[in-house]
């Protein structure tokens, strides 16, 4: 998978916790200028590197809805036990060397994940980097760095990956209800992404 040295990603003063807008600092360019390849098993325990992960918010701006889903709790459908059963509003995954064939491996990985994980019924209107997520709250988070993409569509979206137990477009209020419901376990990155998502809808 593709990784970047932590020191090169953050430099001396660019470290942050939580969310940072793309307009504030272009971490995408920093990653592209400094990426390297590492075996995933090694990367998961190497705290001197970060694994960039495309994290995609799919929104229908006209309906003011966002795609949200719950990951499967079954081992045979979703092997990553640390994320089983969790709710999320972002789709994505590791960036692989094969994603380099199209030029920008970060964008190519994002497009590949869209194709693999969901069925978009309608058209993709636009896609852009909204910002970045970094949260070093645990050993998993310490080796990952989120590139938060915003993909606008004019139709519907359905999960097609068996890793997803259920999902679909929901309103911001419905997503907020999921985030605040103590009966639901929600991915930390989705909690972080909620504020910029709310800001985006408020700008519409």
Protein backbone atom coordinates (compact mmCIF):
# COMPACT_ATOMS: atom_id res chain seq x y z
CA UNK A 1 0.00 0.00 0.00
CA UNK A 2 0.99 3.65 -0.30
CA UNK A 3 2.30 5.43 2.80
CA UNK A 4 4.02 8.70 3.66
CA UNK A 5 6.54 9.47 6.39
CA UNK A 6 4.88 11.29 9.28
CA UNK A 7 7.68 13.86 9.46
CA UNK A 8 7.26 14.74 5.78
CA UNK A 9 3.47 14.84 6.03
CA UNK A 10 3.32 17.24 8.94
CA UNK A 11 6.68 19.02 8.81
CA UNK A 12 7.53 20.98 11.93
CA UNK A 13 4.29 22.89 12.53
CA UNK A 14 1.57 21.32 10.37
CA UNK A 15 0.36 18.62 12.78
CA UNK A 16 -3.32 18.79 13.69
CA UNK A 17 -5.99 16.72 15.41
CA UNK A 18 -9.48 16.53 13.94
CA UNK A 19 -10.25 18.23 10.61
CA UNK A 20 -8.42 20.72 8.41
CA UNK A 21 -9.83 22.22 5.20
CA UNK A 22 -8.01 21.66 1.91
CA UNK A 23 -7.88 25.45 1.44
CA UNK A 24 -5.77 25.76 4.61
CA UNK A 25 -3.05 23.36 3.52
CA UNK A 26 -2.70 21.03 0.52
CA UNK A 27 -1.82 17.74 2.20
CA UNK A 28 -2.74 15.95 -1.01
CA UNK A 29 0.27 17.53 -2.74
CA UNK A 30 2.53 16.72 0.22
CA UNK A 31 1.47 13.06 0.02
CA UNK A 32 1.94 12.90 -3.77
CA UNK A 33 5.41 14.43 -3.47
CA UNK A 34 6.52 12.02 -0.73
CA UNK A 35 4.63 8.75 -1.16
CA UNK A 36 6.31 5.37 -0.88
CA UNK A 37 5.20 1.73 -0.88
CA UNK A 38 5.13 -0.53 2.17
CA UNK A 39 3.64 -3.92 2.96
CA UNK A 40 0.31 -3.37 4.70
CA UNK A 41 1.21 -5.63 7.64
CA UNK A 42 4.32 -3.55 8.31
CA UNK A 43 2.50 -0.26 7.85
CA UNK A 44 -0.12 -1.17 10.47
CA UNK A 45 2.55 -1.25 13.19
CA UNK A 46 4.90 1.46 11.91
CA UNK A 47 4.06 4.67 13.78
CA UNK A 48 6.61 6.69 11.83
CA UNK A 49 4.40 6.50 8.73
CA UNK A 50 0.80 7.34 7.88
CA UNK A 51 -1.40 5.43 5.44
CA UNK A 52 -3.48 7.89 3.37
CA UNK A 53 -7.09 6.74 3.15
CA UNK A 54 -9.63 8.27 0.78
CA UNK A 55 -12.80 8.90 2.80
CA UNK A 56 -15.69 9.76 0.50
CA UNK A 57 -18.86 11.64 1.41
CA UNK A 58 -21.54 11.08 -1.24
CA UNK A 59 -24.15 13.82 -1.22
CA UNK A 60 -27.23 14.79 -3.18
CA UNK A 61 -27.12 18.60 -2.86
CA UNK A 62 -30.61 19.12 -4.27
CA UNK A 63 -32.22 16.79 -1.71
CA UNK A 64 -29.71 17.78 0.99
CA UNK A 65 -28.96 14.15 1.76
CA UNK A 66 -25.81 12.15 2.42
CA UNK A 67 -25.05 8.45 2.03
CA UNK A 68 -24.68 6.63 5.35
CA UNK A 69 -24.41 2.93 6.10
CA UNK A 70 -23.80 0.31 8.75
CA UNK A 71 -20.98 -2.17 8.27
CA UNK A 72 -21.78 -5.87 8.58
CA UNK A 73 -21.18 -7.55 11.95
CA UNK A 74 -20.53 -10.93 10.33
CA UNK A 75 -16.94 -12.20 10.07
CA UNK A 76 -17.50 -13.76 6.64
CA UNK A 77 -18.82 -10.47 5.21
CA UNK A 78 -16.53 -8.00 6.99
CA UNK A 79 -13.24 -9.31 8.32
CA UNK A 80 -11.97 -6.10 9.95
CA UNK A 81 -13.25 -6.71 13.48
CA UNK A 82 -12.30 -3.19 14.61
CA UNK A 83 -14.98 -1.72 12.32
CA UNK A 84 -17.68 -4.42 12.40
CA UNK A 85 -21.20 -3.12 12.98
CA UNK A 86 -20.14 0.52 12.99
CA UNK A 87 -22.11 3.28 11.29
CA UNK A 88 -20.29 5.48 8.81
CA UNK A 89 -20.94 8.28 6.32
CA UNK A 90 -17.64 7.81 4.48
CA UNK A 91 -16.56 5.09 2.09
CA UNK A 92 -13.01 4.36 1.07
CA UNK A 93 -9.94 2.28 1.64
CA UNK A 94 -6.19 1.94 1.33
CA UNK A 95 -4.39 3.37 -1.67
CA UNK A 96 -2.63 0.66 -3.64
CA UNK A 97 0.31 0.86 -6.07
CA UNK A 98 -2.03 -0.10 -8.93
CA UNK A 99 -3.84 3.21 -8.36
CA UNK A 100 -0.72 5.01 -9.65
CA UNK A 101 -1.44 3.95 -13.24
CA UNK A 102 -3.90 6.81 -13.80
CA UNK A 103 -1.62 9.62 -12.64
CA UNK A 104 -2.93 10.75 -9.24
CA UNK A 105 -3.15 7.57 -7.10
CA UNK A 106 -5.23 9.32 -4.42
CA UNK A 107 -7.96 10.30 -6.87
CA UNK A 108 -7.74 6.99 -8.73
CA UNK A 109 -8.18 5.10 -5.45
CA UNK A 110 -11.23 7.22 -4.66
CA UNK A 111 -12.81 6.43 -8.04
CA UNK A 112 -12.01 2.71 -7.62
CA UNK A 113 -13.62 2.60 -4.16
CA UNK A 114 -16.73 4.34 -5.52
CA UNK A 115 -17.00 1.72 -8.25
CA UNK A 116 -16.45 -1.21 -5.87
CA UNK A 117 -18.58 -0.21 -2.91
CA UNK A 118 -21.68 1.57 -4.20
CA UNK A 119 -24.05 1.82 -7.13
CA UNK A 120 -24.81 5.40 -8.09
CA UNK A 121 -28.19 5.70 -9.78
CA UNK A 122 -27.85 8.91 -11.75
CA UNK A 123 -24.85 11.10 -12.47
CA UNK A 124 -21.76 12.19 -10.59
CA UNK A 125 -21.86 15.99 -10.79
CA UNK A 126 -18.51 16.77 -9.18
CA UNK A 127 -15.80 15.47 -6.87
CA UNK A 128 -13.24 17.39 -4.82
CA UNK A 129 -11.06 17.23 -1.75
CA UNK A 130 -12.97 18.88 1.08
CA UNK A 131 -10.18 18.51 3.63
CA UNK A 132 -8.26 16.09 5.83
CA UNK A 133 -8.86 14.00 8.93
CA UNK A 134 -6.25 13.11 11.52
CA UNK A 135 -7.06 11.54 14.86
CA UNK A 136 -4.38 9.80 16.89
CA UNK A 137 -6.73 8.50 19.59
CA UNK A 138 -5.65 4.86 19.30
CA UNK A 139 -3.11 2.59 17.61
CA UNK A 140 -5.28 2.17 14.49
CA UNK A 141 -5.78 5.92 14.04
CA UNK A 142 -2.10 6.64 14.58
CA UNK A 143 -1.15 4.97 11.31
CA UNK A 144 -3.95 6.40 9.11
CA UNK A 145 -4.63 9.82 7.56
CA UNK A 146 -7.96 10.67 5.94
CA UNK A 147 -8.41 12.56 2.69
CA UNK A 148 -12.04 13.70 2.88
CA UNK A 149 -13.59 13.74 -0.59
CA UNK A 150 -16.97 15.24 -1.42
CA UNK A 151 -18.81 13.62 -4.33
CA UNK A 152 -22.01 15.30 -5.52
CA UNK A 153 -24.65 13.24 -7.34
CA UNK A 154 -28.06 14.02 -8.81
CA UNK A 155 -29.74 10.70 -8.04
CA UNK A 156 -29.66 7.87 -5.53
CA UNK A 157 -26.95 5.60 -4.18
CA UNK A 158 -27.11 2.02 -2.94
CA UNK A 159 -24.49 -0.23 -1.33
CA UNK A 160 -23.34 -3.15 -3.46
CA UNK A 161 -20.59 -4.49 -1.23
CA UNK A 162 -21.55 -7.38 1.12
CA UNK A 163 -19.48 -5.64 3.81
CA UNK A 164 -22.39 -3.20 4.17
CA UNK A 165 -25.38 -4.45 6.14
CA UNK A 166 -27.64 -1.51 5.22
CA UNK A 167 -27.32 1.98 3.84
CA UNK A 168 -28.79 4.77 1.72
CA UNK A 169 -29.25 8.51 1.42
CA UNK A 170 -30.45 10.18 4.62
CA UNK A 171 -30.96 13.73 5.78
CA UNK A 172 -28.47 15.61 7.93
CA UNK A 173 -30.91 15.44 10.85
CA UNK A 174 -31.18 11.65 10.49
CA UNK A 175 -27.39 11.37 10.45
CA UNK A 176 -27.16 13.55 13.55
CA UNK A 177 -29.67 11.24 15.28
CA UNK A 178 -27.42 8.26 14.50
CA UNK A 179 -24.34 10.09 15.77
CA UNK A 180 -26.05 11.01 19.05
CA UNK A 181 -27.77 7.65 19.66
CA UNK A 182 -25.84 5.71 22.30
CA UNK A 183 -27.21 2.45 20.88
CA UNK A 184 -25.22 2.98 17.67
CA UNK A 185 -21.45 2.67 17.37
CA UNK A 186 -20.14 5.28 14.93
CA UNK A 187 -16.74 5.55 13.27
CA UNK A 188 -14.63 8.33 14.74
CA UNK A 189 -13.84 9.72 11.28
CA UNK A 190 -17.58 10.08 10.56
CA UNK A 191 -17.99 12.10 13.75
CA UNK A 192 -15.13 14.34 12.63
CA UNK A 193 -16.54 14.66 9.09
CA UNK A 194 -19.97 15.72 10.35
CA UNK A 195 -19.06 19.36 11.08
CA UNK A 196 -17.56 20.13 7.63
CA UNK A 197 -20.49 18.23 6.09
CA UNK A 198 -22.91 20.44 8.02
CA UNK A 199 -20.99 23.54 6.90
CA UNK A 200 -21.22 22.37 3.28
CA UNK A 201 -25.01 21.98 3.44
CA UNK A 202 -25.36 25.35 5.17
CA UNK A 203 -23.48 26.99 2.29
CA UNK A 204 -25.84 25.48 -0.28
